[in-house]
Protein backbone atom coordinates (compact mmCIF):
# COMPACT_ATOMS: atom_id res chain seq x y z
CA MET A 1 25.38 -54.59 -45.21
CA SER A 2 29.12 -54.90 -44.64
CA SER A 3 30.57 -55.84 -41.35
CA ASN A 4 31.57 -52.19 -40.59
CA THR A 5 28.18 -50.80 -41.71
CA ILE A 6 26.37 -53.28 -39.38
CA GLU A 7 28.73 -52.28 -36.50
CA GLU A 8 27.99 -48.53 -37.04
CA PHE A 9 24.28 -49.28 -37.54
CA ILE A 10 24.04 -51.29 -34.25
CA HIS A 11 26.03 -48.81 -32.31
CA ARG A 12 24.01 -45.80 -33.43
CA SER A 13 20.93 -47.61 -32.53
CA TYR A 14 22.11 -48.54 -29.08
CA VAL A 15 23.57 -45.23 -28.00
CA SER A 16 21.08 -42.83 -29.77
CA ARG A 17 17.82 -41.49 -28.36
CA PRO A 18 14.65 -43.28 -29.63
CA LYS A 19 13.14 -41.85 -32.86
CA TYR A 20 9.41 -42.29 -31.76
CA ILE A 21 6.74 -40.91 -29.77
CA GLU A 22 5.27 -43.37 -27.03
CA ILE A 23 1.55 -44.22 -27.06
CA MET A 24 2.18 -46.41 -23.84
CA ALA A 25 5.29 -46.84 -21.73
CA GLY A 26 7.95 -48.06 -24.31
CA VAL A 27 5.52 -48.57 -27.22
CA PRO A 28 6.23 -46.47 -30.40
CA GLU A 29 3.06 -44.95 -31.94
CA ASN A 30 3.68 -46.80 -35.32
CA TYR A 31 4.57 -50.07 -33.63
CA SER A 32 2.38 -52.10 -36.09
CA GLN A 33 4.75 -51.20 -38.86
CA ILE A 34 7.70 -52.28 -36.91
CA LYS A 35 7.98 -55.94 -38.27
CA THR A 36 11.62 -56.80 -38.37
CA LEU A 37 14.89 -56.43 -36.21
CA GLY A 38 16.11 -53.96 -38.74
CA ASP A 39 12.92 -51.91 -38.36
CA LEU A 40 13.41 -51.97 -34.53
CA LEU A 41 17.05 -51.08 -34.63
CA GLY A 42 16.16 -48.45 -37.09
CA ILE A 43 14.01 -46.36 -34.72
CA ASN A 44 16.71 -46.92 -31.76
CA TYR A 45 14.13 -48.83 -29.83
CA LYS A 46 14.61 -48.86 -25.96
CA HIS A 47 13.01 -51.48 -23.96
CA VAL A 48 11.14 -50.39 -20.81
CA THR A 49 11.22 -52.62 -17.77
CA VAL A 50 8.09 -54.23 -16.33
CA GLU A 51 8.11 -51.94 -13.25
CA ARG A 52 8.41 -48.88 -15.47
CA GLN A 53 5.58 -50.15 -17.81
CA LEU A 54 3.21 -50.65 -14.83
CA ARG A 55 4.03 -47.31 -13.23
CA GLY A 56 3.93 -45.30 -16.49
CA ASN A 57 0.73 -46.84 -17.81
CA LEU A 58 -1.05 -46.38 -14.46
CA ILE A 59 -0.01 -42.82 -14.25
CA ALA A 60 -1.24 -42.17 -17.82
CA LYS A 61 -4.65 -43.87 -16.91
CA LEU A 62 -5.07 -41.77 -13.77
CA LYS A 63 -4.25 -38.50 -15.42
CA ASN A 64 -6.84 -39.40 -18.11
CA CYS A 65 -9.40 -40.42 -15.31
CA GLU A 66 -9.59 -43.88 -16.76
CA TYR A 67 -10.36 -46.84 -14.46
CA PRO A 68 -7.23 -49.03 -14.70
CA TYR A 69 -8.90 -52.36 -13.80
CA PRO A 70 -11.95 -53.03 -16.07
CA GLY A 71 -14.10 -55.86 -14.45
CA ILE A 72 -12.95 -55.29 -10.89
CA ILE A 73 -16.01 -54.08 -8.97
CA GLY A 74 -16.54 -52.99 -5.42
CA TYR A 75 -12.92 -52.13 -4.45
CA ASN A 76 -12.76 -48.43 -5.31
CA GLU A 77 -12.46 -47.24 -1.69
CA ASP A 78 -9.75 -49.57 -0.33
CA VAL A 79 -8.31 -52.36 -2.45
CA ILE A 80 -7.76 -50.32 -5.80
CA PRO A 81 -5.96 -47.39 -3.81
CA ALA A 82 -3.73 -49.96 -2.24
CA VAL A 83 -2.85 -51.63 -5.53
CA ASN A 84 -2.20 -48.33 -7.10
CA ARG A 85 0.23 -47.44 -4.20
CA ALA A 86 1.91 -50.70 -4.67
CA ILE A 87 2.41 -50.32 -8.44
CA LEU A 88 3.65 -46.77 -8.07
CA ALA A 89 6.12 -47.83 -5.44
CA GLY A 90 7.33 -50.80 -7.67
CA HIS A 91 6.26 -53.47 -5.32
CA ASP A 92 5.56 -57.12 -5.69
CA ILE A 93 2.11 -57.77 -4.21
CA LEU A 94 0.53 -60.39 -1.90
CA PHE A 95 -3.27 -60.43 -2.16
CA VAL A 96 -4.82 -61.81 1.08
CA GLY A 97 -8.51 -62.78 1.03
CA GLN A 98 -11.02 -65.56 1.18
CA ILE A 99 -12.11 -67.60 -1.69
CA GLY A 100 -13.83 -65.89 -4.61
CA GLN A 101 -12.63 -62.37 -3.80
CA ALA A 102 -11.06 -61.75 -7.27
CA LYS A 103 -7.46 -61.81 -6.08
CA THR A 104 -6.11 -63.60 -9.23
CA LYS A 105 -8.49 -61.58 -11.41
CA ILE A 106 -6.73 -58.46 -10.16
CA ALA A 107 -3.43 -59.76 -10.98
CA GLU A 108 -4.63 -60.87 -14.50
CA CYS A 109 -6.34 -57.53 -15.06
CA ILE A 110 -3.02 -55.65 -14.13
CA ALA A 111 -1.26 -57.72 -16.85
CA GLU A 112 -3.89 -56.92 -19.49
CA SER A 113 -4.33 -53.32 -18.70
CA LEU A 114 -1.03 -51.86 -17.49
CA LEU A 115 1.66 -54.02 -19.21
CA SER A 116 2.98 -52.48 -22.61
CA LEU A 117 3.23 -54.34 -25.88
CA VAL A 118 6.82 -55.51 -26.28
CA PRO A 119 8.69 -56.68 -29.39
CA VAL A 120 9.93 -60.28 -29.29
CA VAL A 121 11.58 -62.48 -31.80
CA GLN A 122 8.97 -64.64 -33.60
CA GLY A 123 8.94 -68.11 -32.23
CA SER A 124 10.52 -67.23 -28.86
CA ILE A 125 9.26 -69.13 -25.76
CA THR A 126 10.90 -66.84 -23.23
CA ASN A 127 9.71 -63.55 -24.69
CA ASP A 128 13.13 -62.58 -26.18
CA ILE A 129 13.47 -58.88 -26.84
CA PRO A 130 16.25 -58.74 -29.26
CA THR A 131 17.61 -55.36 -28.18
CA SER A 132 18.29 -56.68 -24.68
CA ILE A 133 21.29 -58.55 -26.26
CA PRO A 134 24.38 -56.55 -25.44
CA GLU A 135 25.78 -54.40 -28.35
CA GLU A 136 28.92 -56.43 -29.09
CA GLN A 137 27.07 -59.67 -28.94
CA MET A 138 24.45 -58.39 -31.42
CA ILE A 139 27.22 -57.20 -33.81
CA ASN A 140 28.90 -60.62 -33.74
CA ILE A 141 25.49 -62.53 -34.30
CA LEU A 142 24.64 -60.32 -37.23
CA ASN A 143 28.21 -60.77 -38.69
CA ASP A 144 27.89 -64.65 -38.14
CA ALA A 145 30.82 -64.46 -35.76
CA GLU A 146 31.47 -66.18 -32.39
CA VAL A 147 29.60 -64.60 -29.53
CA LEU A 148 32.11 -63.72 -26.67
CA ARG A 149 30.26 -63.77 -23.24
CA THR A 150 31.96 -61.78 -20.56
CA SER A 151 29.48 -62.93 -17.92
CA PRO A 152 27.27 -65.99 -17.39
CA GLU A 153 24.05 -64.07 -17.92
CA PHE A 154 21.08 -65.16 -20.02
CA THR A 155 19.82 -62.47 -22.34
CA VAL A 156 18.02 -64.36 -25.00
CA SER A 157 17.69 -68.06 -25.73
CA LYS A 158 20.06 -70.00 -28.01
CA GLU A 159 17.16 -70.62 -30.34
CA CYS A 160 16.54 -66.87 -30.53
CA GLU A 161 20.27 -66.17 -31.34
CA GLU A 162 20.13 -68.83 -34.21
CA ILE A 163 17.03 -67.16 -35.52
CA ILE A 164 18.79 -63.82 -35.64
CA ARG A 165 21.92 -65.31 -37.03
CA ASN A 166 19.97 -67.08 -39.91
CA ASN A 167 17.67 -64.09 -40.75
CA LYS A 168 19.88 -61.12 -39.91
CA LEU A 169 18.01 -57.77 -40.00
CA GLU A 170 14.94 -59.48 -41.60
CA THR A 171 14.30 -61.41 -38.29
CA LYS A 172 10.59 -61.21 -37.84
CA ILE A 173 9.30 -59.34 -34.73
CA ASN A 174 5.95 -59.86 -32.98
CA TRP A 175 4.55 -57.27 -30.54
CA ILE A 176 2.99 -59.24 -27.73
CA GLU A 177 0.55 -58.01 -25.17
CA GLY A 178 0.65 -58.14 -21.40
CA SER A 179 -1.91 -60.99 -21.32
CA GLN A 180 0.58 -63.12 -23.19
CA ARG A 181 3.31 -62.49 -20.65
CA TYR A 182 1.07 -63.37 -17.69
CA ARG A 183 1.58 -66.79 -16.13
CA TYR A 184 -0.56 -68.33 -13.53
CA ILE A 185 0.53 -71.14 -11.12
CA LEU A 186 -1.83 -72.83 -8.71
CA ALA A 187 0.48 -73.83 -5.76
CA THR A 188 -0.09 -77.51 -5.29
CA PRO A 189 2.09 -80.11 -3.55
CA ASP A 190 3.22 -81.43 -6.91
CA ILE A 191 4.73 -77.99 -8.12
CA SER A 192 8.47 -78.52 -8.19
CA VAL A 193 11.43 -76.12 -7.96
CA LYS A 194 12.15 -76.95 -11.58
CA ASP A 195 8.71 -75.85 -12.56
CA LEU A 196 9.58 -72.44 -11.32
CA VAL A 197 13.29 -71.95 -12.21
CA GLY A 198 13.60 -74.38 -15.16
CA GLN A 199 16.03 -77.42 -15.58
CA ILE A 200 18.83 -79.03 -17.52
CA ASP A 201 16.90 -81.05 -20.05
CA ALA A 202 18.39 -84.55 -20.56
CA ILE A 203 16.36 -85.06 -23.73
CA LYS A 204 17.87 -81.84 -25.29
CA ILE A 205 21.36 -83.20 -24.38
CA ALA A 206 20.68 -86.48 -26.01
CA LYS A 207 19.07 -85.12 -29.20
CA LYS A 208 21.52 -82.33 -29.85
CA GLY A 209 24.67 -83.87 -28.43
CA ILE A 210 25.38 -80.79 -26.39
CA GLU A 211 27.37 -80.38 -23.26
CA LEU A 212 25.62 -80.85 -19.94
CA TYR A 213 26.05 -77.13 -19.01
CA ASP A 214 25.64 -75.64 -22.29
CA ILE A 215 22.80 -72.90 -22.41
CA GLU A 216 21.16 -75.05 -25.07
CA SER A 217 20.52 -77.79 -22.56
CA TYR A 218 18.22 -75.53 -20.29
CA SER A 219 14.46 -75.76 -20.48
CA SER A 220 12.75 -72.67 -19.03
CA GLY A 221 10.35 -72.64 -16.10
CA GLN A 222 7.47 -70.43 -15.33
CA LEU A 223 9.66 -67.50 -14.14
CA LEU A 224 11.33 -67.17 -17.46
CA GLN A 225 8.20 -67.92 -19.45
CA ALA A 226 6.59 -64.99 -17.62
CA ARG A 227 9.65 -62.87 -18.61
CA HIS A 228 8.83 -59.19 -19.10
CA GLY A 229 5.54 -59.77 -17.44
CA ILE A 230 3.72 -61.09 -14.33
CA LEU A 231 3.92 -64.31 -12.56
CA CYS A 232 0.87 -64.99 -10.35
CA ILE A 233 1.18 -67.70 -7.73
CA ASP A 234 -2.17 -68.70 -6.33
CA GLU A 235 -2.38 -70.02 -2.76
CA LEU A 236 1.35 -69.22 -2.02
CA PRO A 237 1.33 -70.74 1.41
CA VAL A 238 0.73 -74.16 -0.05
CA LEU A 239 4.32 -74.13 -1.50
CA ASP A 240 6.62 -75.87 0.75
CA PRO A 241 9.52 -73.76 2.19
CA ARG A 242 12.14 -75.28 -0.27
CA LYS A 243 9.99 -74.03 -3.26
CA GLN A 244 9.38 -70.70 -1.65
CA VAL A 245 13.13 -70.08 -1.20
CA ALA A 246 13.52 -70.30 -5.08
CA LEU A 247 11.64 -66.91 -5.24
CA LEU A 248 13.72 -64.92 -2.87
CA SER A 249 16.50 -63.89 -5.10
CA VAL A 250 13.99 -62.75 -7.79
CA LEU A 251 12.19 -60.70 -5.28
CA GLN A 252 15.22 -59.10 -3.77
CA GLU A 253 17.74 -58.90 -6.70
CA GLY A 254 15.59 -59.48 -9.81
CA LYS A 255 17.55 -62.65 -10.82
CA PHE A 256 17.80 -66.39 -10.11
CA THR A 257 19.99 -69.42 -10.87
CA THR A 258 18.94 -73.09 -11.16
CA GLY A 259 20.86 -75.71 -9.24
CA SER A 260 24.57 -75.75 -10.16
CA TYR A 261 23.82 -74.35 -13.63
CA PRO A 262 26.35 -71.64 -14.18
CA VAL A 263 24.03 -69.00 -15.69
CA VAL A 264 22.27 -65.94 -14.11
CA PHE A 265 18.70 -65.34 -15.32
CA LYS A 266 17.13 -61.92 -15.03
CA PRO A 267 13.44 -62.43 -15.85
CA ASP A 268 12.28 -58.88 -15.38
CA VAL A 269 9.12 -60.13 -13.77
CA LYS A 270 6.67 -58.90 -11.19
CA ILE A 271 5.46 -61.46 -8.81
CA MET A 272 1.89 -61.24 -7.55
CA ALA A 273 0.69 -64.02 -5.13
CA THR A 274 -2.43 -64.88 -3.20
CA ALA A 275 -3.11 -66.34 0.23
CA ASN A 276 -6.09 -67.23 2.45
CA PRO A 277 -6.25 -65.22 5.78
CA VAL A 278 -6.05 -68.49 7.67
CA ASP A 279 -2.85 -69.58 5.93
CA TYR A 280 -1.49 -66.07 5.86
CA THR A 281 -1.65 -65.72 9.74
CA HIS A 282 -0.48 -69.37 10.33
CA SER A 283 3.19 -69.28 11.52
CA GLY A 284 5.42 -70.90 8.94
CA LYS A 285 3.05 -71.08 6.10
CA ILE A 286 4.96 -68.34 4.22
CA ILE A 287 8.57 -68.45 5.18
CA GLU A 288 9.63 -65.16 6.84
CA PRO A 289 12.05 -63.80 4.20
CA LEU A 290 9.54 -64.28 1.44
CA PHE A 291 6.85 -62.70 3.61
CA ASP A 292 9.15 -59.74 4.05
CA ARG A 293 10.17 -59.48 0.40
CA LEU A 294 6.51 -59.37 -0.91
CA ARG A 295 6.60 -55.69 0.00
CA SER A 296 2.80 -54.98 -0.36
CA HIS A 297 0.15 -57.03 1.29
CA VAL A 298 -3.29 -56.04 0.09
CA ASN A 299 -6.37 -57.36 1.82
CA THR A 300 -9.32 -58.08 -0.31
CA HIS A 301 -13.00 -58.56 0.79
CA TYR A 302 -16.47 -59.82 -0.34
CA PRO A 303 -18.85 -57.14 -1.93
CA ARG A 304 -19.73 -54.52 0.76
CA ASN A 305 -23.14 -53.96 -0.80
CA THR A 306 -25.86 -55.80 -2.70
CA LEU A 307 -25.46 -53.66 -5.84
CA ASP A 308 -21.69 -54.57 -6.24
CA GLU A 309 -22.43 -58.30 -5.99
CA MET A 310 -25.41 -58.02 -8.36
CA LEU A 311 -23.02 -56.23 -10.99
CA ILE A 312 -20.30 -58.90 -10.45
CA VAL A 313 -22.94 -61.70 -11.07
CA VAL A 314 -24.15 -60.11 -14.37
CA GLN A 315 -20.68 -59.54 -15.43
CA GLU A 316 -19.46 -63.03 -14.77
CA ALA A 317 -22.40 -65.38 -15.31
CA ARG A 318 -22.13 -67.51 -18.31
CA ILE A 319 -25.45 -67.56 -20.01
CA ALA A 320 -25.59 -69.72 -23.13
CA ASP A 321 -28.71 -68.38 -24.82
CA ALA A 322 -28.40 -64.71 -23.58
CA GLY A 323 -30.86 -63.42 -26.24
CA ASN A 324 -33.67 -65.52 -24.61
CA VAL A 325 -33.03 -64.76 -21.09
CA PHE A 326 -34.07 -61.87 -18.80
CA LEU A 327 -32.89 -61.46 -15.32
CA PRO A 328 -35.19 -59.29 -13.21
CA VAL A 329 -33.36 -56.96 -10.77
CA PHE A 330 -35.25 -58.45 -7.85
CA MET A 331 -34.00 -61.99 -8.55
CA LEU A 332 -30.41 -60.55 -8.70
CA ARG A 333 -31.02 -58.78 -5.52
CA THR A 334 -32.35 -62.01 -3.91
CA ILE A 335 -29.28 -63.95 -4.95
CA ALA A 336 -27.04 -61.19 -3.42
CA LYS A 337 -29.16 -61.07 -0.26
CA ILE A 338 -28.73 -64.82 0.19
CA MET A 339 -24.97 -64.47 -0.03
CA GLU A 340 -24.93 -61.53 2.37
CA LEU A 341 -27.01 -63.53 4.92
CA ALA A 342 -24.79 -66.65 4.49
CA ARG A 343 -21.63 -64.77 5.17
CA THR A 344 -22.99 -63.45 8.42
CA HIS A 345 -24.91 -66.46 9.51
CA HIS A 346 -23.82 -67.77 12.99
CA ASP A 347 -23.73 -71.34 11.95
CA ILE A 348 -21.59 -70.92 8.89
CA ASN A 349 -17.75 -71.03 9.02
CA HIS A 350 -16.59 -67.49 8.50
CA ASP A 351 -12.94 -68.57 8.03
CA LYS A 352 -13.91 -70.46 4.87
CA GLY A 353 -16.29 -67.91 3.55
CA VAL A 354 -19.01 -67.87 0.95
CA SER A 355 -17.52 -67.28 -2.46
CA VAL A 356 -18.92 -64.69 -4.94
CA ARG A 357 -18.65 -67.61 -7.46
CA VAL A 358 -21.64 -69.19 -5.49
CA ALA A 359 -23.77 -66.16 -6.37
CA ILE A 360 -22.66 -66.47 -10.03
CA HIS A 361 -23.24 -70.25 -10.15
CA SER A 362 -26.64 -69.84 -8.58
CA THR A 363 -27.74 -67.26 -11.04
CA GLU A 364 -26.67 -69.47 -13.80
CA LEU A 365 -28.80 -72.39 -12.31
CA LEU A 366 -31.90 -70.11 -11.90
CA VAL A 367 -31.70 -69.45 -15.63
CA GLY A 368 -31.16 -73.13 -16.47
CA GLU A 369 -34.20 -73.93 -14.25
CA ALA A 370 -36.38 -71.50 -15.98
CA GLU A 371 -35.35 -72.95 -19.32
CA ARG A 372 -35.91 -76.52 -18.10
CA THR A 373 -39.38 -75.89 -16.65
CA ARG A 374 -40.97 -73.34 -19.03
CA SER A 375 -38.67 -71.79 -21.73
CA ILE A 376 -37.68 -74.83 -23.79
CA SER A 377 -41.06 -76.61 -23.87
CA GLN A 378 -43.32 -73.71 -24.06
CA LEU A 379 -41.23 -71.39 -26.27
CA VAL A 380 -41.18 -68.34 -23.80
CA LYS A 381 -38.37 -66.24 -22.39
CA ALA A 382 -36.36 -67.68 -19.72
CA ILE A 383 -37.22 -65.48 -16.73
CA PRO A 384 -36.39 -66.77 -13.21
CA ARG A 385 -39.01 -66.47 -10.48
CA PHE A 386 -39.15 -67.08 -6.77
CA CYS A 387 -40.54 -70.58 -7.37
CA ASP A 388 -37.41 -71.45 -9.16
CA ILE A 389 -35.17 -70.43 -6.22
CA HIS A 390 -34.48 -73.91 -4.68
CA SER A 391 -32.67 -74.86 -7.77
CA ILE A 392 -29.65 -73.14 -6.23
CA HIS A 393 -29.05 -75.73 -3.62
CA GLN A 394 -26.56 -77.74 -5.87
CA SER A 395 -24.37 -74.60 -6.21
CA VAL A 396 -24.35 -73.23 -2.62
CA LYS A 397 -21.27 -74.40 -0.82
CA PHE A 398 -20.38 -73.58 2.76
CA GLU A 399 -19.13 -75.19 5.99
CA LEU A 400 -21.09 -75.31 9.25
CA THR A 401 -19.22 -74.76 12.61
CA GLU A 402 -21.69 -74.44 15.60
CA ILE A 403 -23.93 -77.35 14.59
CA GLU A 404 -23.38 -80.88 13.19
CA ASP A 405 -22.22 -80.39 9.50
CA THR A 406 -24.37 -83.00 7.64
CA LEU A 407 -26.26 -82.60 4.44
CA GLU A 408 -29.60 -82.26 6.17
CA THR A 409 -28.42 -79.46 8.48
CA ARG A 410 -26.83 -77.66 5.43
CA ILE A 411 -30.24 -77.94 3.74
CA ASN A 412 -32.03 -76.59 6.54
CA VAL A 413 -29.65 -73.60 7.05
CA LEU A 414 -29.77 -72.83 3.31
CA ASN A 415 -33.56 -72.98 3.28
CA SER A 416 -33.89 -70.63 6.24
CA ILE A 417 -31.42 -68.15 4.59
CA ILE A 418 -33.31 -68.35 1.27
CA ASP A 419 -36.69 -67.74 3.01
CA ASN A 420 -35.27 -64.65 4.90
CA ALA A 421 -33.79 -63.27 1.73
CA ILE A 422 -37.07 -63.66 -0.24
CA ARG A 423 -38.85 -62.07 2.79
CA GLU A 424 -36.62 -59.00 2.79
CA VAL A 425 -36.61 -58.39 -1.12
CA SER A 426 -40.36 -59.01 -1.55
CA HIS A 427 -41.18 -56.75 1.56
CA GLU A 428 -39.38 -53.84 -0.14
CA TYR A 429 -42.15 -53.79 -2.85
CA ILE A 430 -45.07 -54.16 -0.41
CA GLN A 431 -44.09 -51.69 2.33
CA LYS A 432 -45.43 -48.62 0.52
CA LEU A 433 -48.98 -50.11 0.07
CA SER A 434 -51.64 -48.07 1.84
CA VAL A 435 -54.00 -49.42 4.38
CA GLU A 436 -56.82 -49.14 1.77
CA GLN A 437 -54.95 -51.24 -0.71
CA LEU A 438 -54.24 -53.95 1.84
CA ALA A 439 -57.93 -54.04 2.68
CA LYS A 440 -58.88 -54.29 -0.91
CA LEU A 441 -56.42 -57.00 -1.45
CA LYS A 442 -57.72 -59.01 1.45
CA ILE A 443 -61.28 -58.71 -0.08
CA ASP A 444 -59.82 -60.04 -3.39
CA PHE A 445 -58.66 -63.18 -1.57
CA THR A 446 -61.69 -63.60 0.53
CA LYS A 447 -63.73 -63.69 -2.68
CA ASN A 448 -61.55 -65.88 -4.79
CA LYS A 449 -59.84 -68.02 -2.07
CA THR A 450 -56.58 -68.93 -3.70
CA PHE A 451 -53.94 -67.88 -6.28
CA ALA A 452 -52.03 -70.92 -7.67
CA VAL A 453 -48.36 -70.59 -8.52
CA SER A 454 -45.92 -73.15 -9.80
CA GLN A 455 -42.77 -73.50 -12.00
CA VAL A 456 -44.73 -74.91 -14.89
CA THR A 457 -47.61 -72.42 -14.79
CA LEU A 458 -46.98 -69.83 -17.59
CA GLY A 459 -47.48 -66.12 -17.26
CA SER A 460 -50.04 -65.76 -20.02
CA LYS A 461 -52.39 -68.22 -21.67
CA LYS A 462 -51.01 -70.51 -24.48
CA SER A 463 -53.73 -73.12 -24.09
CA ASN A 464 -56.75 -73.84 -21.98
CA SER A 465 -54.42 -74.39 -18.95
CA LEU A 466 -54.18 -72.16 -15.88
CA ASP A 467 -51.84 -69.08 -16.28
CA TYR A 468 -50.90 -66.10 -14.07
CA GLU A 469 -52.60 -63.31 -16.22
CA SER A 470 -55.85 -65.04 -16.31
CA GLN A 471 -55.89 -65.58 -12.56
CA LEU A 472 -55.02 -61.89 -12.12
CA GLU A 473 -58.37 -60.94 -13.81
CA LEU A 474 -60.09 -62.49 -10.80
CA PHE A 475 -58.10 -60.33 -8.40
CA PRO A 476 -58.56 -56.76 -9.54
CA GLU A 477 -56.69 -55.09 -6.74
CA LEU A 478 -53.79 -57.62 -6.98
CA LYS A 479 -53.67 -56.98 -10.79
CA GLN A 480 -53.43 -53.18 -10.07
CA VAL A 481 -50.68 -53.70 -7.45
CA VAL A 482 -48.76 -55.93 -9.94
CA LYS A 483 -49.10 -53.23 -12.61
CA GLU A 484 -47.71 -50.54 -10.42
CA THR A 485 -44.94 -52.66 -9.13
CA ILE A 486 -43.97 -53.57 -12.73
CA PHE A 487 -43.64 -49.81 -13.26
CA VAL A 488 -41.22 -49.49 -10.36
CA ILE A 489 -39.13 -52.50 -11.17
CA GLU A 490 -38.79 -51.41 -14.85
CA ASN A 491 -37.28 -48.11 -13.60
CA GLU A 492 -35.01 -50.03 -11.26
CA GLN A 493 -34.01 -52.17 -14.20
CA LYS A 494 -33.13 -49.24 -16.40
CA GLN A 495 -31.06 -47.71 -13.65
CA PHE A 496 -29.31 -50.96 -13.14
CA VAL A 497 -28.61 -51.29 -16.80
CA GLU A 498 -27.21 -47.76 -16.92
CA ILE A 499 -24.86 -48.53 -14.10
CA ALA A 500 -23.82 -51.77 -15.81
CA GLU A 501 -23.18 -50.02 -19.14
CA ASN A 502 -21.01 -47.33 -17.36
CA LEU A 503 -18.90 -50.23 -16.08
CA GLY A 504 -18.53 -51.89 -19.43
CA ILE A 505 -20.76 -54.89 -18.34
CA ARG A 506 -22.89 -56.57 -20.87
CA ARG A 507 -26.51 -55.48 -20.74
CA GLU A 508 -28.25 -58.14 -22.88
CA ILE A 509 -29.52 -60.25 -20.15
CA VAL A 510 -30.87 -57.42 -17.90
CA CYS A 511 -32.53 -55.31 -20.66
CA ILE A 512 -36.33 -55.07 -20.62
CA ARG A 513 -37.67 -56.64 -23.86
CA GLU A 514 -41.00 -56.41 -25.50
CA ASP A 515 -41.52 -60.22 -26.10
CA MET A 516 -41.72 -61.37 -22.55
CA ASN A 517 -45.01 -63.15 -23.00
CA GLY A 518 -46.41 -62.56 -19.57
CA GLU A 519 -43.47 -64.28 -17.89
CA PHE A 520 -42.22 -61.02 -16.38
CA THR A 521 -45.72 -60.41 -14.95
CA ALA A 522 -45.75 -63.89 -13.51
CA ALA A 523 -42.37 -63.23 -11.78
CA VAL A 524 -43.57 -59.82 -10.42
CA THR A 525 -46.80 -61.39 -9.15
CA GLU A 526 -44.79 -64.05 -7.03
CA VAL A 527 -42.89 -61.07 -5.46
CA ILE A 528 -46.12 -59.37 -4.46
CA LEU A 529 -47.71 -62.64 -3.26
CA GLU A 530 -44.66 -63.33 -1.19
CA GLY A 531 -44.46 -59.92 0.14
CA LEU A 532 -48.08 -60.11 1.38
CA ARG A 533 -47.16 -62.97 3.66
CA TRP A 534 -44.76 -60.54 5.51
CA VAL A 535 -46.86 -57.38 5.92
CA GLN A 536 -47.96 -56.79 9.59
CA PRO A 537 -50.32 -58.40 10.25
CA PRO A 538 -49.62 -61.01 7.50
CA LEU A 539 -52.37 -60.98 4.67
CA LEU A 540 -51.65 -64.27 2.96
CA ASP A 541 -50.49 -67.66 3.87
CA ARG A 542 -48.99 -70.29 1.48
CA LYS A 543 -49.93 -73.88 1.36
CA ASP A 544 -48.26 -76.12 -1.17
CA ASP A 545 -48.54 -74.06 -4.47
CA CYS A 546 -51.35 -71.77 -3.36
CA TYR A 547 -51.53 -68.34 -1.68
CA GLY A 548 -54.75 -67.71 0.32
CA ALA A 549 -56.03 -65.22 2.83
CA ILE A 550 -55.31 -65.80 6.46
CA GLN A 551 -58.73 -66.40 8.20
């Protein structure tokens, strides 16, 4: 193209209405075919700000009755409405909650679900959208002329300008997703102001021989690397006041400067931060101007019911050999119950909390214990049982307040919580037994004395060794109760799988299989045996690895 033709082409593109239908806020329906700067200018592309992307895409999802935050469970009644209000209002958000309450996960989910694709020049570090270059500057770059800057404002990097100057309208464009424009910072004492706003790079000055305050000497910080996206600052109160001040102008005016560097940067970024309630309420932890400019403060919480925690565990647990694992619903419920009891325990520090991660890690350990003790050596499915439960000691983390916080007292507190959780869960499956059934069960145990359980005892016979199914043949009433309970649990399992599927949660590790080799029967048997300890009056007692009738 001649200089005049380029000028006409650029002017028409900048002042004319877009030639495309949007499939998301600012995204052309044929965006995958837009691969060069010429293609982009040819459709009169108009960039949509982050605020408009978030708002527009949220509105579209709500109109279509789509859940905007896949993977976020248990917040539909309070947290999600608050987040939606904040996004519709165009607010930056401070999430306030204890550890393991999905605060940063929500921010990440917003980036993945509600940010639109944007076109950036291939190779750009600062997500340079070429049409953000002012019209006159774009014309000069494409005509290989000097760029006249009327204001000290950063639009695209020098590297981006050079790429366009060298490749003209054939400059390659990449459409990048919201997750690629999400930056996460864990606020630690070693985070510097330069990490946030960037710095003058002495190495660049030395290598390129450029002037100290030339734009080419600038190295971008996290604010500019999150450009056209979301910057998440985890544990914001940990940042000292001087570093918090660096965020003020971005929140108030959408721009920042760095030191004495004579350039204004407009990152078009939404800031989402997190804080622990203790730090949030502590005077001076977040400087007042910043506290005020984070316009929406959203309080998170731990799962309000057992089902939500169970779903979160299945969603988040990392199970290496998922095809060889089955998680019974009663084991998931027991883990969730342990968390619930720990969070309300009078000796445990409520300010510190008990993270949902503890439930996730405990479930992973239960699977590992089932593999270690039975699955690997005996080639059976890894199905956790009550006898595996104390393997979770190494993952349960909490602080004590009312009593001396020693390892021994923590172990005692946790064992007490585990026993109470097992009692509550197992009793649910026993409470419907009739007086006649309980009487027959007592006769079973009077005749046959004891039922042996252990981690290494298999569910069904693989050799001449003791197993659960062979023992059940000696306890006809217990065998019948186990059979009936298996039917109940299978229905519970199917209902749980259906709920998980509706939420897009993987179902593999909770789906009932055909090849469970008696291991499922063994796990259910332990539930019944444990439950019989807690009927009134108690029917069984446990000594070492044996359940026997109370005389």
